[in-house]
Amino acid sequence: MKNLFLQFYNGVMDAEWNPLRAIPSLALRHLIMQLLSWMWCIIFASIVGSWYFFGLSAIAHSLLLAGVAITVGTFESTASKYDVKRRL
């Protein structure tokens, strides 16, 4: 039973197992998984009827994602401008 649940979970949640693995770009796979997760959050929030809490959560998550995007953009532009090599 545990193995069956793990296979089901990986088939949906792991981009290395689900059909998105055919997309060569890891960034694009991640973006698609993010969009799907937002879609399911909206669906479940509408089912439960918690639009107020979903709105607060969506705003908070949008701010967090914007902060991450700005930070990554800043790091990438600085690295390309000064020809910095990545350590990872």
Protein backbone atom coordinates (compact mmCIF):
# COMPACT_ATOMS: atom_id res chain seq x y z
CA MET A 1 0.00 0.00 0.00
CA LYS A 2 2.82 2.39 0.87
CA ASN A 3 4.53 1.70 -2.46
CA LEU A 4 1.29 2.31 -4.36
CA PHE A 5 0.79 5.65 -2.59
CA LEU A 6 4.40 6.63 -3.29
CA GLN A 7 4.01 5.82 -7.00
CA PHE A 8 0.79 7.83 -7.17
CA TYR A 9 2.41 10.77 -5.37
CA ASN A 10 5.49 10.73 -7.62
CA GLY A 11 3.32 10.43 -10.72
CA VAL A 12 1.60 13.71 -9.87
CA MET A 13 4.01 15.73 -7.74
CA ASP A 14 7.49 14.85 -8.97
CA ALA A 15 8.44 16.49 -12.27
CA GLU A 16 11.07 13.80 -12.78
CA TRP A 17 8.32 11.13 -12.83
CA ASN A 18 5.25 12.81 -14.32
CA PRO A 19 4.83 13.64 -18.03
CA LEU A 20 6.52 17.02 -17.52
CA ARG A 21 9.84 15.17 -17.46
CA ALA A 22 9.78 15.41 -21.28
CA ILE A 23 10.33 19.18 -21.04
CA PRO A 24 14.11 19.73 -21.13
CA SER A 25 14.07 23.03 -19.23
CA LEU A 26 13.98 22.57 -15.47
CA ALA A 27 12.83 26.18 -15.06
CA LEU A 28 9.87 25.65 -17.39
CA ARG A 29 8.90 22.43 -15.58
CA HIS A 30 9.04 24.29 -12.28
CA LEU A 31 6.90 27.13 -13.66
CA ILE A 32 4.26 24.71 -14.93
CA MET A 33 4.18 22.90 -11.57
CA GLN A 34 3.77 26.27 -9.82
CA LEU A 35 0.88 27.24 -12.10
CA LEU A 36 -0.80 23.89 -11.52
CA SER A 37 -0.43 24.28 -7.77
CA TRP A 38 -2.01 27.75 -7.91
CA MET A 39 -4.87 26.35 -9.95
CA TRP A 40 -5.53 23.61 -7.37
CA CYS A 41 -5.31 26.09 -4.50
CA ILE A 42 -7.98 28.21 -6.19
CA ILE A 43 -10.16 25.16 -6.82
CA PHE A 44 -9.96 23.93 -3.23
CA ALA A 45 -10.48 27.43 -1.81
CA SER A 46 -13.62 27.85 -3.90
CA ILE A 47 -14.91 24.44 -2.83
CA VAL A 48 -14.38 25.24 0.84
CA GLY A 49 -15.64 28.78 0.36
CA SER A 50 -12.72 30.44 2.06
CA TRP A 51 -12.17 33.26 -0.42
CA TYR A 52 -11.15 35.66 2.33
CA PHE A 53 -8.36 33.42 3.59
CA PHE A 54 -7.37 32.45 0.08
CA GLY A 55 -7.05 36.13 -0.83
CA LEU A 56 -4.73 36.78 2.10
CA SER A 57 -2.71 33.68 1.31
CA ALA A 58 -2.49 34.58 -2.40
CA ILE A 59 -1.26 38.08 -1.59
CA ALA A 60 1.32 36.76 0.88
CA HIS A 61 2.54 34.12 -1.57
CA SER A 62 2.69 36.65 -4.41
CA LEU A 63 4.85 38.93 -2.29
CA LEU A 64 7.12 36.03 -1.37
CA LEU A 65 7.45 34.91 -5.00
CA ALA A 66 8.07 38.49 -6.14
CA GLY A 67 10.85 38.79 -3.57
CA VAL A 68 12.43 35.56 -4.76
CA ALA A 69 12.12 36.63 -8.42
CA ILE A 70 13.71 40.02 -7.72
CA THR A 71 16.54 38.39 -5.79
CA VAL A 72 17.23 35.83 -8.53
CA GLY A 73 17.07 38.56 -11.19
CA THR A 74 19.51 40.70 -9.24
CA PHE A 75 21.92 37.81 -8.76
CA GLU A 76 21.70 36.77 -12.42
CA SER A 77 22.21 40.27 -13.78
CA THR A 78 25.15 40.88 -11.44
CA ALA A 79 26.72 37.54 -12.31
CA SER A 80 26.43 38.20 -16.05
CA LYS A 81 27.63 41.80 -15.77
CA TYR A 82 30.74 40.91 -13.77
CA ASP A 83 31.26 37.45 -15.34
CA VAL A 84 30.91 35.61 -12.04
CA LYS A 85 31.01 31.81 -12.24
CA ARG A 86 28.54 29.79 -10.21
CA ARG A 87 29.80 27.57 -7.44
CA LEU A 88 26.99 25.00 -7.68
